[in-house]
Amino acid sequence: MVFSTHGDWYLDQLAPDERAQFESGGLVVRHEDRPGSNVCGAYHPEAYVRDPVPKSLTIVDHIPQGALGNPFQDLWLFQRI
């Protein structure tokens, strides 16, 4: 499974309370009342993605800012065990 997330690259764009939540490992969601729009956004710290990995999956790779051009997103590669 390959997916991308908004990671550390976006820290400077977060409000102070959002940044604190992100830095403590919490998911930050902006404008969750507008799902499916470009206004709605989720920001995933590395710990948030790593900690709940099911036993049936393993993380093969995590490349910070590896998904270039959208704009910069972290790239994750998981494999089923």
N, C-alpha and C. Protein backbone atom coordinates (compact mmCIF):
# COMPACT_ATOMS: atom_id res chain seq x y z
N MET A 1 0.85 -1.15 0.00
CA MET A 1 0.00 0.00 0.00
C MET A 1 0.91 1.23 0.00
N VAL A 2 0.63 2.15 -0.89
CA VAL A 2 1.37 3.40 -0.96
C VAL A 2 0.39 4.54 -0.72
N PHE A 3 0.78 5.47 0.13
CA PHE A 3 -0.05 6.65 0.34
C PHE A 3 0.83 7.82 0.76
N SER A 4 0.27 9.01 0.68
CA SER A 4 1.02 10.20 1.06
C SER A 4 0.26 10.95 2.15
N THR A 5 1.03 11.71 2.93
CA THR A 5 0.45 12.50 4.02
C THR A 5 1.08 13.89 4.03
N HIS A 6 0.38 14.84 4.62
CA HIS A 6 0.96 16.15 4.89
C HIS A 6 1.74 16.02 6.20
N GLY A 7 3.05 16.15 6.13
CA GLY A 7 3.90 15.94 7.30
C GLY A 7 4.58 17.21 7.79
N ASP A 8 5.80 17.05 8.29
CA ASP A 8 6.55 18.13 8.91
C ASP A 8 6.75 19.35 8.02
N TRP A 9 6.75 19.18 6.72
CA TRP A 9 6.95 20.30 5.79
C TRP A 9 5.93 21.40 6.03
N TYR A 10 4.76 21.05 6.56
CA TYR A 10 3.66 21.99 6.75
C TYR A 10 3.64 22.66 8.13
N LEU A 11 4.59 22.37 8.99
CA LEU A 11 4.58 22.92 10.35
C LEU A 11 4.45 24.43 10.38
N ASP A 12 5.16 25.12 9.51
CA ASP A 12 5.12 26.59 9.52
C ASP A 12 3.76 27.14 9.10
N GLN A 13 2.92 26.32 8.47
CA GLN A 13 1.61 26.77 8.02
C GLN A 13 0.52 26.53 9.07
N LEU A 14 0.86 25.82 10.13
CA LEU A 14 -0.12 25.51 11.17
C LEU A 14 -0.17 26.62 12.22
N ALA A 15 -1.36 26.85 12.76
CA ALA A 15 -1.53 27.80 13.86
C ALA A 15 -0.81 27.25 15.10
N PRO A 16 -0.45 28.09 16.06
CA PRO A 16 0.28 27.61 17.24
C PRO A 16 -0.39 26.42 17.95
N ASP A 17 -1.71 26.44 18.12
CA ASP A 17 -2.37 25.32 18.80
C ASP A 17 -2.34 24.06 17.93
N GLU A 18 -2.45 24.23 16.62
CA GLU A 18 -2.38 23.08 15.70
C GLU A 18 -0.97 22.51 15.69
N ARG A 19 0.01 23.39 15.70
CA ARG A 19 1.41 22.95 15.70
C ARG A 19 1.72 22.15 16.97
N ALA A 20 1.23 22.62 18.11
CA ALA A 20 1.45 21.90 19.36
C ALA A 20 0.80 20.52 19.31
N GLN A 21 -0.39 20.44 18.76
CA GLN A 21 -1.08 19.15 18.62
C GLN A 21 -0.28 18.22 17.71
N PHE A 22 0.18 18.75 16.57
CA PHE A 22 0.97 17.97 15.62
C PHE A 22 2.26 17.48 16.26
N GLU A 23 2.97 18.38 16.94
CA GLU A 23 4.26 18.03 17.55
C GLU A 23 4.11 17.04 18.70
N SER A 24 2.92 16.94 19.27
CA SER A 24 2.69 15.94 20.32
C SER A 24 2.19 14.62 19.74
N GLY A 25 2.18 14.52 18.41
CA GLY A 25 1.80 13.26 17.76
C GLY A 25 0.34 13.17 17.35
N GLY A 26 -0.40 14.28 17.48
CA GLY A 26 -1.82 14.26 17.16
C GLY A 26 -2.12 14.68 15.73
N LEU A 27 -3.15 14.11 15.18
CA LEU A 27 -3.65 14.47 13.86
C LEU A 27 -4.27 15.86 13.91
N VAL A 28 -4.00 16.68 12.90
CA VAL A 28 -4.61 18.00 12.79
C VAL A 28 -5.49 18.00 11.54
N VAL A 29 -6.76 18.34 11.72
CA VAL A 29 -7.69 18.42 10.58
C VAL A 29 -8.25 19.83 10.54
N ARG A 30 -8.11 20.44 9.39
CA ARG A 30 -8.64 21.80 9.19
C ARG A 30 -9.90 21.71 8.33
N HIS A 31 -10.89 22.48 8.70
CA HIS A 31 -12.15 22.57 7.95
C HIS A 31 -12.78 21.20 7.69
N GLU A 32 -12.86 20.40 8.76
CA GLU A 32 -13.44 19.07 8.60
C GLU A 32 -14.93 19.12 8.27
N ASP A 33 -15.53 20.30 8.36
CA ASP A 33 -16.93 20.46 7.97
C ASP A 33 -17.07 20.57 6.45
N ARG A 34 -15.95 20.55 5.71
CA ARG A 34 -15.97 20.66 4.25
C ARG A 34 -15.22 19.49 3.61
N PRO A 35 -15.57 18.23 3.99
CA PRO A 35 -14.86 17.08 3.42
C PRO A 35 -15.01 17.03 1.91
N GLY A 36 -13.97 16.54 1.26
CA GLY A 36 -14.00 16.41 -0.19
C GLY A 36 -13.61 17.66 -0.94
N SER A 37 -13.39 18.76 -0.21
CA SER A 37 -12.97 20.00 -0.86
C SER A 37 -11.48 20.20 -0.62
N ASN A 38 -10.89 21.09 -1.39
CA ASN A 38 -9.48 21.41 -1.19
C ASN A 38 -9.25 22.27 0.05
N VAL A 39 -10.33 22.75 0.65
CA VAL A 39 -10.22 23.53 1.88
C VAL A 39 -9.94 22.60 3.06
N CYS A 40 -10.55 21.43 3.05
CA CYS A 40 -10.36 20.44 4.11
C CYS A 40 -8.97 19.82 3.96
N GLY A 41 -8.23 19.75 5.05
CA GLY A 41 -6.89 19.17 5.00
C GLY A 41 -6.55 18.46 6.30
N ALA A 42 -5.77 17.39 6.18
CA ALA A 42 -5.32 16.64 7.34
C ALA A 42 -3.80 16.62 7.35
N TYR A 43 -3.23 16.78 8.54
CA TYR A 43 -1.79 16.85 8.71
C TYR A 43 -1.39 15.75 9.68
N HIS A 44 -0.56 14.83 9.21
CA HIS A 44 -0.22 13.62 9.96
C HIS A 44 1.23 13.63 10.42
N PRO A 45 1.49 13.74 11.72
CA PRO A 45 2.87 13.58 12.18
C PRO A 45 3.30 12.13 12.00
N GLU A 46 4.58 11.92 11.88
CA GLU A 46 5.11 10.58 11.67
C GLU A 46 4.63 9.61 12.75
N ALA A 47 4.65 10.04 14.00
CA ALA A 47 4.23 9.15 15.11
C ALA A 47 2.78 8.71 14.95
N TYR A 48 1.94 9.57 14.41
CA TYR A 48 0.52 9.24 14.25
C TYR A 48 0.35 8.10 13.25
N VAL A 49 1.19 8.07 12.22
CA VAL A 49 1.11 7.01 11.22
C VAL A 49 1.77 5.73 11.72
N ARG A 50 2.89 5.84 12.38
CA ARG A 50 3.65 4.66 12.83
C ARG A 50 2.99 3.90 13.98
N ASP A 51 2.41 4.61 14.92
CA ASP A 51 1.93 3.98 16.15
C ASP A 51 0.77 3.00 15.99
N PRO A 52 -0.22 3.28 15.14
CA PRO A 52 -1.34 2.34 15.08
C PRO A 52 -1.24 1.27 13.98
N VAL A 53 -0.04 0.98 13.47
CA VAL A 53 0.08 0.03 12.36
C VAL A 53 -0.42 -1.34 12.80
N PRO A 54 -1.40 -1.90 12.08
CA PRO A 54 -1.91 -3.22 12.43
C PRO A 54 -0.83 -4.30 12.30
N LYS A 55 -0.97 -5.38 13.02
CA LYS A 55 0.01 -6.46 12.99
C LYS A 55 0.10 -7.11 11.62
N SER A 56 -0.91 -6.94 10.81
CA SER A 56 -0.91 -7.54 9.47
C SER A 56 -0.12 -6.71 8.45
N LEU A 57 0.39 -5.54 8.86
CA LEU A 57 1.15 -4.67 7.96
C LEU A 57 2.51 -4.34 8.57
N THR A 58 3.45 -4.03 7.70
CA THR A 58 4.74 -3.53 8.13
C THR A 58 5.09 -2.31 7.28
N ILE A 59 5.80 -1.38 7.87
CA ILE A 59 6.25 -0.20 7.14
C ILE A 59 7.53 -0.56 6.41
N VAL A 60 7.49 -0.47 5.10
CA VAL A 60 8.66 -0.75 4.27
C VAL A 60 9.52 0.49 4.15
N ASP A 61 8.87 1.64 3.96
CA ASP A 61 9.63 2.87 3.81
C ASP A 61 8.77 4.09 4.15
N HIS A 62 9.42 5.11 4.62
CA HIS A 62 8.82 6.43 4.83
C HIS A 62 9.80 7.44 4.29
N ILE A 63 9.38 8.21 3.29
CA ILE A 63 10.25 9.20 2.67
C ILE A 63 9.63 10.59 2.90
N PRO A 64 10.15 11.34 3.89
CA PRO A 64 9.63 12.68 4.10
C PRO A 64 9.76 13.51 2.82
N GLN A 65 8.69 14.17 2.43
CA GLN A 65 8.62 14.98 1.22
C GLN A 65 8.92 14.18 -0.05
N GLY A 66 8.68 12.88 0.01
CA GLY A 66 8.98 12.01 -1.13
C GLY A 66 7.99 12.09 -2.26
N ALA A 67 6.78 12.56 -2.00
CA ALA A 67 5.77 12.72 -3.05
C ALA A 67 5.79 14.18 -3.48
N LEU A 68 6.64 14.50 -4.41
CA LEU A 68 6.85 15.88 -4.82
C LEU A 68 5.76 16.37 -5.75
N GLY A 69 5.42 17.64 -5.60
CA GLY A 69 4.55 18.29 -6.56
C GLY A 69 3.11 18.43 -6.17
N ASN A 70 2.72 18.05 -4.96
CA ASN A 70 1.29 18.10 -4.63
C ASN A 70 0.99 18.76 -3.30
N PRO A 71 1.54 19.82 -2.85
CA PRO A 71 2.92 20.21 -3.15
C PRO A 71 3.89 19.20 -2.59
N PHE A 72 4.35 19.28 -1.37
CA PHE A 72 5.28 18.28 -0.81
C PHE A 72 4.56 17.44 0.22
N GLN A 73 4.51 16.16 -0.01
CA GLN A 73 3.87 15.25 0.94
C GLN A 73 4.83 14.11 1.27
N ASP A 74 4.68 13.57 2.48
CA ASP A 74 5.48 12.41 2.87
C ASP A 74 4.93 11.19 2.14
N LEU A 75 5.82 10.33 1.72
CA LEU A 75 5.44 9.11 1.02
C LEU A 75 5.63 7.92 1.96
N TRP A 76 4.62 7.06 2.03
CA TRP A 76 4.65 5.88 2.89
C TRP A 76 4.43 4.63 2.03
N LEU A 77 5.19 3.58 2.35
CA LEU A 77 5.02 2.29 1.69
C LEU A 77 4.84 1.23 2.77
N PHE A 78 3.68 0.58 2.75
CA PHE A 78 3.37 -0.49 3.69
C PHE A 78 3.26 -1.80 2.92
N GLN A 79 3.52 -2.91 3.60
CA GLN A 79 3.39 -4.23 2.99
C GLN A 79 2.60 -5.14 3.92
N ARG A 80 1.74 -5.94 3.34
CA ARG A 80 0.99 -6.93 4.12
C ARG A 80 1.94 -8.07 4.49
N ILE A 81 1.88 -8.50 5.73
CA ILE A 81 2.75 -9.57 6.21
C ILE A 81 2.09 -10.91 5.94
